[in-house]
Amino acid sequence: MELRTDQTLIAKWIKKGARVLDLGCGDGALLSNLQTNKDVSGYGIEIDENNIVKCIEKGVNVIQTDLDAGLSQFDNKIFDYVIMTQTLQAIYYPEKLLTEMTRVGNEAIVTFPNMAHWRCRLQLALAGHMPKSKTLPYEWYNTPNIHLCSLDDFEDLCIKKNIKIIERATVDRAHQFSFGMNIFPNLLGEVAIYRFKCE
C-alpha cells in the first residue's frame, strides 16, 4: 500500500531497526511499511475494531485501547519513536498525551490539520461558519476533532511543556509540499508534521 506524502516523510525520519509505537495507527499502513522497509519493531495502538483486523492482516502488532487512558502500560524510553498521525486533534487531553509520548519515546512525531490555513481563515471571516475542507470534512456538530489548533498554537504548547522541536514540515490537502509553505507554513500549510523530544 502506497503511503501518503506526510507518512513518506515520517518514514524518512525513522532510523533502520528502530523500536516504534504508532498511536491511532488506523489500518496499520505506516507501521507495516516501516516493518518491511526499515526493519522496525513495535506496536500500533488503535480503538476501531475494523482497523484492528486490518492491522492483524498486515502483520502489525496492535493493542486495542483508548489513547485518552494514557500510555502507563509502557516504561520510560522503551521506544525510539512514538508516532501519532491525524489523531492529536481528536484527543481529550492532548497536552498530557504529548508528555506521555516524550516519556515512552526518545523522539515523537505528530501530524494534525492546521486551523490557521488561509482557507479556514477565509471561511470563518467571510461565511461566518466553522471551516470545512478535505482535511476537516465534518460539520461542527459531528466532528471527531475536539481540539483544533494552528502551528503557532502547537509550538506555544511545546514551549510550555519544555518540548524541543527537531523538525517541522507542512503539506497541502493532497499531502504535497510547496515552496510557499516553507516561507509561510502557518498560513499555507494544511497539515502540520512535527518531530520533537523532551528537553
N, C-alpha and C. Protein backbone atom coordinates (compact mmCIF):
# COMPACT_ATOMS: atom_id res chain seq x y z
N MET A 1 0.84 -1.20 0.00
CA MET A 1 0.00 0.00 0.00
C MET A 1 0.88 1.25 0.00
N GLU A 2 0.57 2.19 -0.89
CA GLU A 2 1.37 3.41 -1.00
C GLU A 2 1.04 4.37 0.13
N LEU A 3 2.08 4.98 0.67
CA LEU A 3 1.91 5.91 1.79
C LEU A 3 1.57 7.30 1.28
N ARG A 4 0.86 8.07 2.13
CA ARG A 4 0.65 9.49 1.85
C ARG A 4 2.00 10.20 1.95
N THR A 5 2.07 11.41 1.40
CA THR A 5 3.32 12.17 1.43
C THR A 5 3.78 12.44 2.85
N ASP A 6 2.86 12.77 3.75
CA ASP A 6 3.26 13.03 5.13
C ASP A 6 3.81 11.76 5.78
N GLN A 7 3.22 10.60 5.46
CA GLN A 7 3.72 9.34 6.01
C GLN A 7 5.08 8.99 5.41
N THR A 8 5.28 9.32 4.14
CA THR A 8 6.57 9.08 3.49
C THR A 8 7.67 9.90 4.16
N LEU A 9 7.36 11.15 4.50
CA LEU A 9 8.32 11.99 5.20
C LEU A 9 8.64 11.41 6.57
N ILE A 10 7.60 10.97 7.28
CA ILE A 10 7.82 10.35 8.59
C ILE A 10 8.72 9.14 8.45
N ALA A 11 8.47 8.32 7.45
CA ALA A 11 9.28 7.11 7.23
C ALA A 11 10.75 7.47 7.02
N LYS A 12 11.03 8.60 6.38
CA LYS A 12 12.41 9.05 6.17
C LYS A 12 13.08 9.44 7.49
N TRP A 13 12.29 9.91 8.45
CA TRP A 13 12.82 10.33 9.74
C TRP A 13 13.15 9.13 10.65
N ILE A 14 12.59 7.96 10.36
CA ILE A 14 12.76 6.78 11.21
C ILE A 14 14.03 6.02 10.82
N LYS A 15 14.87 5.74 11.81
CA LYS A 15 16.11 5.00 11.55
C LYS A 15 15.83 3.51 11.41
N LYS A 16 16.66 2.86 10.62
CA LYS A 16 16.53 1.42 10.39
C LYS A 16 16.68 0.66 11.71
N GLY A 17 15.81 -0.33 11.91
CA GLY A 17 15.87 -1.17 13.10
C GLY A 17 15.32 -0.53 14.36
N ALA A 18 14.64 0.62 14.22
CA ALA A 18 14.12 1.34 15.39
C ALA A 18 12.94 0.61 16.03
N ARG A 19 12.69 0.95 17.29
CA ARG A 19 11.50 0.49 18.01
C ARG A 19 10.47 1.61 17.92
N VAL A 20 9.28 1.30 17.39
CA VAL A 20 8.29 2.31 17.08
C VAL A 20 6.95 1.99 17.72
N LEU A 21 6.31 3.02 18.27
CA LEU A 21 4.93 2.93 18.75
C LEU A 21 4.10 3.88 17.92
N ASP A 22 3.06 3.37 17.24
CA ASP A 22 2.21 4.18 16.37
C ASP A 22 0.84 4.33 17.02
N LEU A 23 0.55 5.54 17.52
CA LEU A 23 -0.69 5.82 18.23
C LEU A 23 -1.80 6.19 17.25
N GLY A 24 -2.97 5.55 17.40
CA GLY A 24 -4.05 5.78 16.45
C GLY A 24 -3.60 5.32 15.08
N CYS A 25 -3.10 4.10 15.00
CA CYS A 25 -2.39 3.61 13.81
C CYS A 25 -3.30 3.32 12.62
N GLY A 26 -4.63 3.42 12.80
CA GLY A 26 -5.54 3.19 11.68
C GLY A 26 -5.43 1.76 11.18
N ASP A 27 -5.29 1.60 9.88
CA ASP A 27 -5.23 0.25 9.29
C ASP A 27 -3.83 -0.35 9.32
N GLY A 28 -2.87 0.36 9.94
CA GLY A 28 -1.52 -0.18 10.09
C GLY A 28 -0.61 0.03 8.91
N ALA A 29 -1.02 0.85 7.93
CA ALA A 29 -0.23 1.02 6.71
C ALA A 29 1.18 1.55 6.98
N LEU A 30 1.29 2.57 7.83
CA LEU A 30 2.60 3.16 8.10
C LEU A 30 3.51 2.17 8.81
N LEU A 31 3.02 1.54 9.85
CA LEU A 31 3.85 0.60 10.61
C LEU A 31 4.23 -0.61 9.77
N SER A 32 3.31 -1.08 8.93
CA SER A 32 3.60 -2.19 8.03
C SER A 32 4.72 -1.82 7.06
N ASN A 33 4.65 -0.60 6.52
CA ASN A 33 5.69 -0.11 5.60
C ASN A 33 7.03 -0.03 6.31
N LEU A 34 7.03 0.48 7.55
CA LEU A 34 8.28 0.60 8.30
C LEU A 34 8.85 -0.77 8.65
N GLN A 35 8.00 -1.74 8.93
CA GLN A 35 8.47 -3.10 9.21
C GLN A 35 9.15 -3.69 7.97
N THR A 36 8.57 -3.46 6.82
CA THR A 36 9.09 -4.02 5.58
C THR A 36 10.35 -3.31 5.11
N ASN A 37 10.33 -1.98 5.13
CA ASN A 37 11.42 -1.21 4.53
C ASN A 37 12.49 -0.71 5.49
N LYS A 38 12.16 -0.64 6.79
CA LYS A 38 13.12 -0.13 7.76
C LYS A 38 13.44 -1.16 8.86
N ASP A 39 12.85 -2.35 8.76
CA ASP A 39 13.10 -3.42 9.72
C ASP A 39 12.82 -2.97 11.16
N VAL A 40 11.76 -2.16 11.34
CA VAL A 40 11.42 -1.68 12.68
C VAL A 40 10.63 -2.76 13.41
N SER A 41 10.60 -2.65 14.74
CA SER A 41 9.74 -3.48 15.56
C SER A 41 8.88 -2.54 16.40
N GLY A 42 7.75 -3.05 16.87
CA GLY A 42 6.92 -2.18 17.69
C GLY A 42 5.47 -2.54 17.65
N TYR A 43 4.65 -1.58 18.04
CA TYR A 43 3.21 -1.79 18.19
C TYR A 43 2.43 -0.62 17.61
N GLY A 44 1.21 -0.94 17.21
CA GLY A 44 0.24 0.09 16.90
C GLY A 44 -0.81 0.11 18.01
N ILE A 45 -1.36 1.26 18.28
CA ILE A 45 -2.48 1.37 19.22
C ILE A 45 -3.67 1.91 18.45
N GLU A 46 -4.79 1.22 18.55
CA GLU A 46 -5.97 1.58 17.78
C GLU A 46 -7.21 1.20 18.58
N ILE A 47 -8.29 1.96 18.40
CA ILE A 47 -9.53 1.66 19.13
C ILE A 47 -10.60 1.05 18.22
N ASP A 48 -10.54 1.32 16.92
CA ASP A 48 -11.55 0.85 15.98
C ASP A 48 -11.31 -0.63 15.62
N GLU A 49 -12.33 -1.45 15.83
CA GLU A 49 -12.20 -2.89 15.61
C GLU A 49 -11.90 -3.25 14.16
N ASN A 50 -12.51 -2.54 13.21
CA ASN A 50 -12.25 -2.83 11.79
C ASN A 50 -10.80 -2.56 11.43
N ASN A 51 -10.24 -1.46 11.96
CA ASN A 51 -8.83 -1.16 11.71
C ASN A 51 -7.92 -2.18 12.39
N ILE A 52 -8.31 -2.67 13.54
CA ILE A 52 -7.51 -3.69 14.24
C ILE A 52 -7.40 -4.94 13.39
N VAL A 53 -8.50 -5.35 12.77
CA VAL A 53 -8.49 -6.51 11.88
C VAL A 53 -7.53 -6.27 10.71
N LYS A 54 -7.56 -5.06 10.13
CA LYS A 54 -6.67 -4.73 9.01
C LYS A 54 -5.21 -4.75 9.45
N CYS A 55 -4.93 -4.29 10.66
CA CYS A 55 -3.56 -4.33 11.19
C CYS A 55 -3.07 -5.77 11.29
N ILE A 56 -3.90 -6.62 11.85
CA ILE A 56 -3.54 -8.03 12.02
C ILE A 56 -3.29 -8.68 10.66
N GLU A 57 -4.12 -8.36 9.68
CA GLU A 57 -3.94 -8.89 8.32
C GLU A 57 -2.61 -8.46 7.72
N LYS A 58 -2.13 -7.27 8.11
CA LYS A 58 -0.84 -6.77 7.60
C LYS A 58 0.34 -7.26 8.43
N GLY A 59 0.08 -8.01 9.49
CA GLY A 59 1.15 -8.49 10.34
C GLY A 59 1.66 -7.45 11.33
N VAL A 60 0.82 -6.47 11.64
CA VAL A 60 1.19 -5.41 12.57
C VAL A 60 0.69 -5.78 13.97
N ASN A 61 1.59 -5.74 14.95
CA ASN A 61 1.19 -5.95 16.34
C ASN A 61 0.36 -4.76 16.78
N VAL A 62 -0.84 -5.01 17.27
CA VAL A 62 -1.75 -3.92 17.60
C VAL A 62 -2.40 -4.17 18.96
N ILE A 63 -2.55 -3.08 19.72
CA ILE A 63 -3.20 -3.13 21.02
C ILE A 63 -4.45 -2.27 20.94
N GLN A 64 -5.59 -2.82 21.37
CA GLN A 64 -6.83 -2.05 21.37
C GLN A 64 -6.95 -1.30 22.69
N THR A 65 -6.89 0.03 22.62
CA THR A 65 -7.05 0.85 23.81
C THR A 65 -7.39 2.27 23.41
N ASP A 66 -7.89 3.03 24.36
CA ASP A 66 -8.24 4.42 24.17
C ASP A 66 -7.03 5.28 24.55
N LEU A 67 -6.56 6.12 23.64
CA LEU A 67 -5.39 6.94 23.90
C LEU A 67 -5.59 7.92 25.05
N ASP A 68 -6.83 8.30 25.31
CA ASP A 68 -7.08 9.21 26.43
C ASP A 68 -6.80 8.55 27.78
N ALA A 69 -6.67 7.22 27.78
CA ALA A 69 -6.31 6.50 29.01
C ALA A 69 -4.82 6.61 29.31
N GLY A 70 -4.06 7.14 28.35
CA GLY A 70 -2.63 7.31 28.55
C GLY A 70 -1.81 6.12 28.10
N LEU A 71 -0.51 6.15 28.40
CA LEU A 71 0.42 5.12 27.97
C LEU A 71 1.12 4.47 29.17
N SER A 72 0.40 4.35 30.28
CA SER A 72 1.01 3.85 31.52
C SER A 72 1.50 2.41 31.41
N GLN A 73 1.04 1.66 30.40
CA GLN A 73 1.48 0.28 30.24
C GLN A 73 2.90 0.18 29.68
N PHE A 74 3.48 1.33 29.27
CA PHE A 74 4.82 1.33 28.69
C PHE A 74 5.82 2.01 29.62
N ASP A 75 7.02 1.43 29.71
CA ASP A 75 8.09 2.01 30.52
C ASP A 75 8.69 3.23 29.85
N ASN A 76 9.45 3.99 30.61
CA ASN A 76 10.15 5.17 30.08
C ASN A 76 11.14 4.79 28.99
N LYS A 77 11.14 5.56 27.91
CA LYS A 77 12.12 5.44 26.82
C LYS A 77 12.24 4.03 26.25
N ILE A 78 11.12 3.32 26.20
CA ILE A 78 11.14 1.96 25.66
C ILE A 78 11.12 1.95 24.12
N PHE A 79 10.71 3.08 23.52
CA PHE A 79 10.66 3.19 22.06
C PHE A 79 11.62 4.28 21.57
N ASP A 80 12.12 4.08 20.36
CA ASP A 80 12.94 5.12 19.73
C ASP A 80 12.05 6.25 19.23
N TYR A 81 10.89 5.88 18.68
CA TYR A 81 9.96 6.87 18.13
C TYR A 81 8.53 6.53 18.54
N VAL A 82 7.77 7.55 18.90
CA VAL A 82 6.33 7.41 19.11
C VAL A 82 5.65 8.32 18.08
N ILE A 83 4.80 7.74 17.25
CA ILE A 83 4.19 8.45 16.12
C ILE A 83 2.68 8.58 16.36
N MET A 84 2.13 9.72 15.99
CA MET A 84 0.68 9.91 16.03
C MET A 84 0.28 10.79 14.85
N THR A 85 -0.36 10.19 13.84
CA THR A 85 -0.75 10.94 12.65
C THR A 85 -2.26 11.21 12.65
N GLN A 86 -2.61 12.49 12.46
CA GLN A 86 -4.00 12.92 12.31
C GLN A 86 -4.90 12.44 13.45
N THR A 87 -4.38 12.44 14.67
CA THR A 87 -5.13 11.98 15.83
C THR A 87 -5.11 12.99 16.97
N LEU A 88 -4.08 13.82 17.04
CA LEU A 88 -3.90 14.75 18.16
C LEU A 88 -5.15 15.59 18.42
N GLN A 89 -5.80 16.04 17.35
CA GLN A 89 -6.96 16.92 17.48
C GLN A 89 -8.21 16.20 18.00
N ALA A 90 -8.17 14.86 18.02
CA ALA A 90 -9.32 14.08 18.48
C ALA A 90 -9.14 13.57 19.91
N ILE A 91 -8.06 13.98 20.56
CA ILE A 91 -7.76 13.53 21.92
C ILE A 91 -8.32 14.55 22.93
N TYR A 92 -8.86 14.07 24.04
CA TYR A 92 -9.42 14.96 25.05
C TYR A 92 -8.35 15.78 25.76
N TYR A 93 -7.19 15.15 26.02
CA TYR A 93 -6.13 15.84 26.76
C TYR A 93 -4.81 15.77 25.97
N PRO A 94 -4.71 16.52 24.88
CA PRO A 94 -3.52 16.42 24.02
C PRO A 94 -2.22 16.76 24.73
N GLU A 95 -2.26 17.74 25.66
CA GLU A 95 -1.02 18.12 26.34
C GLU A 95 -0.49 16.97 27.20
N LYS A 96 -1.37 16.19 27.81
CA LYS A 96 -0.95 15.03 28.61
C LYS A 96 -0.39 13.94 27.72
N LEU A 97 -1.01 13.73 26.56
CA LEU A 97 -0.54 12.68 25.66
C LEU A 97 0.82 13.04 25.07
N LEU A 98 1.04 14.32 24.77
CA LEU A 98 2.36 14.74 24.27
C LEU A 98 3.44 14.45 25.31
N THR A 99 3.14 14.71 26.58
CA THR A 99 4.08 14.41 27.66
C THR A 99 4.35 12.91 27.74
N GLU A 100 3.29 12.12 27.61
CA GLU A 100 3.44 10.67 27.64
C GLU A 100 4.26 10.17 26.45
N MET A 101 4.05 10.77 25.28
CA MET A 101 4.81 10.38 24.08
C MET A 101 6.31 10.60 24.29
N THR A 102 6.66 11.73 24.90
CA THR A 102 8.09 12.02 25.12
C THR A 102 8.64 11.22 26.30
N ARG A 103 7.76 10.71 27.14
CA ARG A 103 8.22 9.85 28.24
C ARG A 103 8.59 8.46 27.74
N VAL A 104 7.73 7.86 26.91
CA VAL A 104 7.96 6.48 26.47
C VAL A 104 8.86 6.40 25.25
N GLY A 105 9.06 7.52 24.54
CA GLY A 105 9.90 7.51 23.35
C GLY A 105 11.04 8.50 23.43
N ASN A 106 12.14 8.18 22.76
CA ASN A 106 13.25 9.12 22.68
C ASN A 106 12.87 10.33 21.83
N GLU A 107 12.08 10.08 20.78
CA GLU A 107 11.57 11.14 19.92
C GLU A 107 10.11 10.86 19.63
N ALA A 108 9.37 11.90 19.27
CA ALA A 108 7.97 11.75 18.91
C ALA A 108 7.68 12.51 17.62
N ILE A 109 6.67 12.04 16.91
CA ILE A 109 6.26 12.66 15.64
C ILE A 109 4.74 12.76 15.64
N VAL A 110 4.22 13.95 15.34
CA VAL A 110 2.77 14.12 15.21
C VAL A 110 2.44 14.85 13.92
N THR A 111 1.25 14.59 13.41
CA THR A 111 0.68 15.38 12.32
C THR A 111 -0.73 15.78 12.73
N PHE A 112 -1.16 16.95 12.27
CA PHE A 112 -2.51 17.42 12.58
C PHE A 112 -2.93 18.48 11.56
N PRO A 113 -4.25 18.67 11.37
CA PRO A 113 -4.72 19.71 10.45
C PRO A 113 -4.48 21.10 11.05
N ASN A 114 -4.06 22.04 10.21
CA ASN A 114 -3.74 23.40 10.65
C ASN A 114 -4.96 24.30 10.49
N MET A 115 -5.53 24.75 11.62
CA MET A 115 -6.71 25.60 11.59
C MET A 115 -6.41 27.04 11.15
N ALA A 116 -5.13 27.40 11.05
CA ALA A 116 -4.78 28.76 10.63
C ALA A 116 -4.51 28.85 9.12
N HIS A 117 -4.77 27.77 8.40
CA HIS A 117 -4.60 27.80 6.94
C HIS A 117 -5.52 28.87 6.35
N TRP A 118 -5.09 29.49 5.27
CA TRP A 118 -5.82 30.64 4.73
C TRP A 118 -7.26 30.31 4.36
N ARG A 119 -7.53 29.09 3.89
CA ARG A 119 -8.91 28.75 3.54
C ARG A 119 -9.81 28.73 4.78
N CYS A 120 -9.27 28.20 5.89
CA CYS A 120 -10.04 28.18 7.15
C CYS A 120 -10.31 29.60 7.62
N ARG A 121 -9.29 30.45 7.54
CA ARG A 121 -9.45 31.85 7.96
C ARG A 121 -10.51 32.54 7.11
N LEU A 122 -10.46 32.30 5.81
CA LEU A 122 -11.40 32.95 4.90
C LEU A 122 -12.83 32.49 5.13
N GLN A 123 -13.03 31.18 5.32
CA GLN A 123 -14.38 30.67 5.56
C GLN A 123 -14.99 31.26 6.83
N LEU A 124 -14.17 31.33 7.87
CA LEU A 124 -14.67 31.87 9.14
C LEU A 124 -14.94 33.37 9.04
N ALA A 125 -14.03 34.09 8.36
CA ALA A 125 -14.17 35.55 8.26
C ALA A 125 -15.31 35.97 7.34
N LEU A 126 -15.44 35.32 6.18
CA LEU A 126 -16.42 35.76 5.19
C LEU A 126 -17.77 35.05 5.31
N ALA A 127 -17.75 33.75 5.55
CA ALA A 127 -19.00 33.00 5.61
C ALA A 127 -19.57 32.96 7.02
N GLY A 128 -18.72 33.13 8.02
CA GLY A 128 -19.19 33.11 9.40
C GLY A 128 -19.53 31.72 9.91
N HIS A 129 -18.98 30.69 9.25
CA HIS A 129 -19.22 29.30 9.65
C HIS A 129 -17.91 28.62 10.00
N MET A 130 -18.00 27.56 10.82
CA MET A 130 -16.82 26.76 11.11
C MET A 130 -16.27 26.20 9.80
N PRO A 131 -14.96 26.28 9.61
CA PRO A 131 -14.34 25.85 8.34
C PRO A 131 -14.52 24.36 8.06
N LYS A 132 -14.67 24.06 6.77
CA LYS A 132 -14.69 22.68 6.28
C LYS A 132 -13.71 22.59 5.12
N SER A 133 -13.00 21.47 5.04
CA SER A 133 -12.06 21.25 3.95
C SER A 133 -11.84 19.75 3.80
N LYS A 134 -10.96 19.36 2.87
CA LYS A 134 -10.68 17.93 2.73
C LYS A 134 -9.98 17.38 3.96
N THR A 135 -9.22 18.22 4.65
CA THR A 135 -8.57 17.77 5.88
C THR A 135 -9.50 17.92 7.09
N LEU A 136 -10.53 18.74 6.97
CA LEU A 136 -11.53 18.94 8.03
C LEU A 136 -12.92 18.84 7.40
N PRO A 137 -13.36 17.63 7.02
CA PRO A 137 -14.58 17.49 6.23
C PRO A 137 -15.89 17.48 7.02
N TYR A 138 -15.84 17.55 8.34
CA TYR A 138 -17.03 17.36 9.16
C TYR A 138 -17.77 18.66 9.45
N GLU A 139 -19.05 18.49 9.83
CA GLU A 139 -19.82 19.61 10.34
C GLU A 139 -19.42 19.83 11.80
N TRP A 140 -19.68 21.01 12.35
CA TRP A 140 -19.28 21.31 13.72
C TRP A 140 -19.92 20.36 14.73
N TYR A 141 -21.11 19.84 14.40
CA TYR A 141 -21.85 19.02 15.36
C TYR A 141 -21.53 17.53 15.29
N ASN A 142 -20.82 17.07 14.27
CA ASN A 142 -20.49 15.65 14.19
C ASN A 142 -19.01 15.37 14.02
N THR A 143 -18.19 16.38 14.26
CA THR A 143 -16.76 16.19 14.07
C THR A 143 -16.12 15.41 15.23
N PRO A 144 -15.18 14.52 14.92
CA PRO A 144 -14.41 13.86 15.98
C PRO A 144 -13.29 14.76 16.49
N ASN A 145 -13.06 15.87 15.79
CA ASN A 145 -11.98 16.80 16.14
C ASN A 145 -12.46 17.75 17.24
N ILE A 146 -11.86 17.62 18.41
CA ILE A 146 -12.32 18.42 19.55
C ILE A 146 -11.31 19.47 20.00
N HIS A 147 -10.06 19.34 19.57
CA HIS A 147 -9.02 20.31 19.95
C HIS A 147 -8.24 20.73 18.71
N LEU A 148 -8.84 21.59 17.91
CA LEU A 148 -8.18 22.07 16.70
C LEU A 148 -7.19 23.17 17.07
N CYS A 149 -6.09 23.23 16.32
CA CYS A 149 -5.07 24.23 16.63
C CYS A 149 -4.32 24.62 15.36
N SER A 150 -3.46 25.61 15.50
CA SER A 150 -2.59 26.05 14.41
C SER A 150 -1.16 25.62 14.72
N LEU A 151 -0.27 25.85 13.77
CA LEU A 151 1.15 25.58 14.02
C LEU A 151 1.65 26.42 15.18
N ASP A 152 1.25 27.69 15.21
CA ASP A 152 1.69 28.58 16.30
C ASP A 152 1.18 28.09 17.65
N ASP A 153 -0.07 27.62 17.70
CA ASP A 153 -0.61 27.09 18.94
C ASP A 153 0.20 25.89 19.43
N PHE A 154 0.51 24.98 18.51
CA PHE A 154 1.26 23.78 18.88
C PHE A 154 2.65 24.15 19.38
N GLU A 155 3.30 25.09 18.70
CA GLU A 155 4.65 25.49 19.11
C GLU A 155 4.64 26.20 20.46
N ASP A 156 3.59 26.97 20.74
CA ASP A 156 3.45 27.60 22.06
C ASP A 156 3.32 26.53 23.15
N LEU A 157 2.54 25.49 22.87
CA LEU A 157 2.38 24.41 23.84
C LEU A 157 3.71 23.69 24.07
N CYS A 158 4.46 23.48 23.01
CA CYS A 158 5.77 22.83 23.14
C CYS A 158 6.69 23.63 24.07
N ILE A 159 6.66 24.95 23.94
CA ILE A 159 7.47 25.81 24.81
C ILE A 159 7.04 25.62 26.27
N LYS A 160 5.74 25.61 26.51
CA LYS A 160 5.22 25.45 27.87
C LYS A 160 5.57 24.09 28.47
N LYS A 161 5.63 23.06 27.62
CA LYS A 161 5.89 21.70 28.08
C LYS A 161 7.37 21.32 28.01
N ASN A 162 8.25 22.30 27.73
CA ASN A 162 9.70 22.03 27.59
C ASN A 162 9.98 20.94 26.55
N ILE A 163 9.27 21.03 25.44
CA ILE A 163 9.45 20.10 24.33
C ILE A 163 10.27 20.80 23.25
N LYS A 164 11.32 20.14 22.80
CA LYS A 164 12.18 20.71 21.76
C LYS A 164 11.75 20.20 20.39
N ILE A 165 11.42 21.11 19.48
CA ILE A 165 11.06 20.74 18.11
C ILE A 165 12.34 20.51 17.32
N ILE A 166 12.46 19.32 16.75
CA ILE A 166 13.65 18.94 15.96
C ILE A 166 13.46 19.32 14.49
N GLU A 167 12.29 18.98 13.95
CA GLU A 167 11.98 19.28 12.55
C GLU A 167 10.49 19.60 12.42
N ARG A 168 10.18 20.44 11.41
CA ARG A 168 8.80 20.78 11.11
C ARG A 168 8.63 20.79 9.60
N ALA A 169 7.49 20.29 9.14
CA ALA A 169 7.15 20.36 7.72
C ALA A 169 5.64 20.56 7.61
N THR A 170 5.20 21.04 6.46
CA THR A 170 3.77 21.16 6.20
C THR A 170 3.48 20.64 4.79
N VAL A 171 2.25 20.15 4.61
CA VAL A 171 1.80 19.70 3.30
C VAL A 171 0.40 20.25 3.06
N ASP A 172 -0.07 20.16 1.81
CA ASP A 172 -1.42 20.63 1.50
C ASP A 172 -2.43 19.49 1.65
N ARG A 173 -3.68 19.72 1.25
CA ARG A 173 -4.73 18.72 1.44
C ARG A 173 -4.50 17.46 0.61
N ALA A 174 -3.70 17.57 -0.45
CA ALA A 174 -3.34 16.39 -1.24
C ALA A 174 -2.06 15.76 -0.71
N HIS A 175 -1.59 16.26 0.45
CA HIS A 175 -0.36 15.79 1.11
C HIS A 175 0.87 16.01 0.22
N GLN A 176 0.90 17.17 -0.45
CA GLN A 176 2.04 17.56 -1.28
C GLN A 176 2.72 18.79 -0.67
N PHE A 177 4.01 18.93 -0.97
CA PHE A 177 4.78 20.08 -0.49
C PHE A 177 4.74 21.21 -1.52
N SER A 178 4.98 22.44 -1.06
CA SER A 178 5.18 23.56 -1.98
C SER A 178 6.18 24.52 -1.37
N PHE A 179 6.83 25.31 -2.22
CA PHE A 179 7.84 26.25 -1.75
C PHE A 179 7.24 27.29 -0.80
N GLY A 180 6.01 27.75 -1.11
CA GLY A 180 5.37 28.77 -0.30
C GLY A 180 5.15 28.33 1.14
N MET A 181 4.92 27.04 1.34
CA MET A 181 4.69 26.52 2.69
C MET A 181 5.94 26.63 3.56
N ASN A 182 7.10 26.63 2.94
CA ASN A 182 8.34 26.80 3.70
C ASN A 182 8.47 28.23 4.22
N ILE A 183 7.93 29.19 3.46
CA ILE A 183 8.04 30.60 3.83
C ILE A 183 6.93 31.00 4.81
N PHE A 184 5.69 30.56 4.52
CA PHE A 184 4.53 30.89 5.38
C PHE A 184 3.82 29.61 5.81
N PRO A 185 4.45 28.80 6.66
CA PRO A 185 3.86 27.50 7.00
C PRO A 185 2.51 27.60 7.70
N ASN A 186 2.33 28.57 8.60
CA ASN A 186 1.08 28.67 9.35
C ASN A 186 -0.07 29.18 8.49
N LEU A 187 0.24 29.87 7.41
CA LEU A 187 -0.78 30.41 6.51
C LEU A 187 -1.10 29.45 5.36
N LEU A 188 -0.08 28.77 4.83
CA LEU A 188 -0.25 27.96 3.62
C LEU A 188 -0.27 26.45 3.86
N GLY A 189 0.24 26.00 4.99
CA GLY A 189 0.25 24.56 5.27
C GLY A 189 -1.09 24.08 5.79
N GLU A 190 -1.62 23.01 5.20
CA GLU A 190 -2.91 22.47 5.65
C GLU A 190 -2.74 21.36 6.68
N VAL A 191 -1.63 20.63 6.58
CA VAL A 191 -1.33 19.57 7.54
C VAL A 191 0.07 19.82 8.09
N ALA A 192 0.18 19.86 9.40
CA ALA A 192 1.47 20.09 10.07
C ALA A 192 2.11 18.76 10.45
N ILE A 193 3.43 18.69 10.33
CA ILE A 193 4.18 17.48 10.70
C ILE A 193 5.34 17.93 11.58
N TYR A 194 5.39 17.40 12.80
CA TYR A 194 6.42 17.79 13.75
C TYR A 194 7.17 16.58 14.30
N ARG A 195 8.46 16.76 14.43
CA ARG A 195 9.33 15.77 15.12
C ARG A 195 9.92 16.49 16.33
N PHE A 196 9.82 15.88 17.51
CA PHE A 196 10.21 16.58 18.72
C PHE A 196 10.67 15.61 19.80
N LYS A 197 11.24 16.16 20.88
CA LYS A 197 11.65 15.34 22.02
C LYS A 197 11.59 16.21 23.27
N CYS A 198 11.69 15.58 24.41
CA CYS A 198 11.68 16.30 25.67
C CYS A 198 13.06 16.90 25.90
N GLU A 199 13.10 18.19 26.33
CA GLU A 199 14.39 18.86 26.55
C GLU A 199 15.01 18.37 27.85
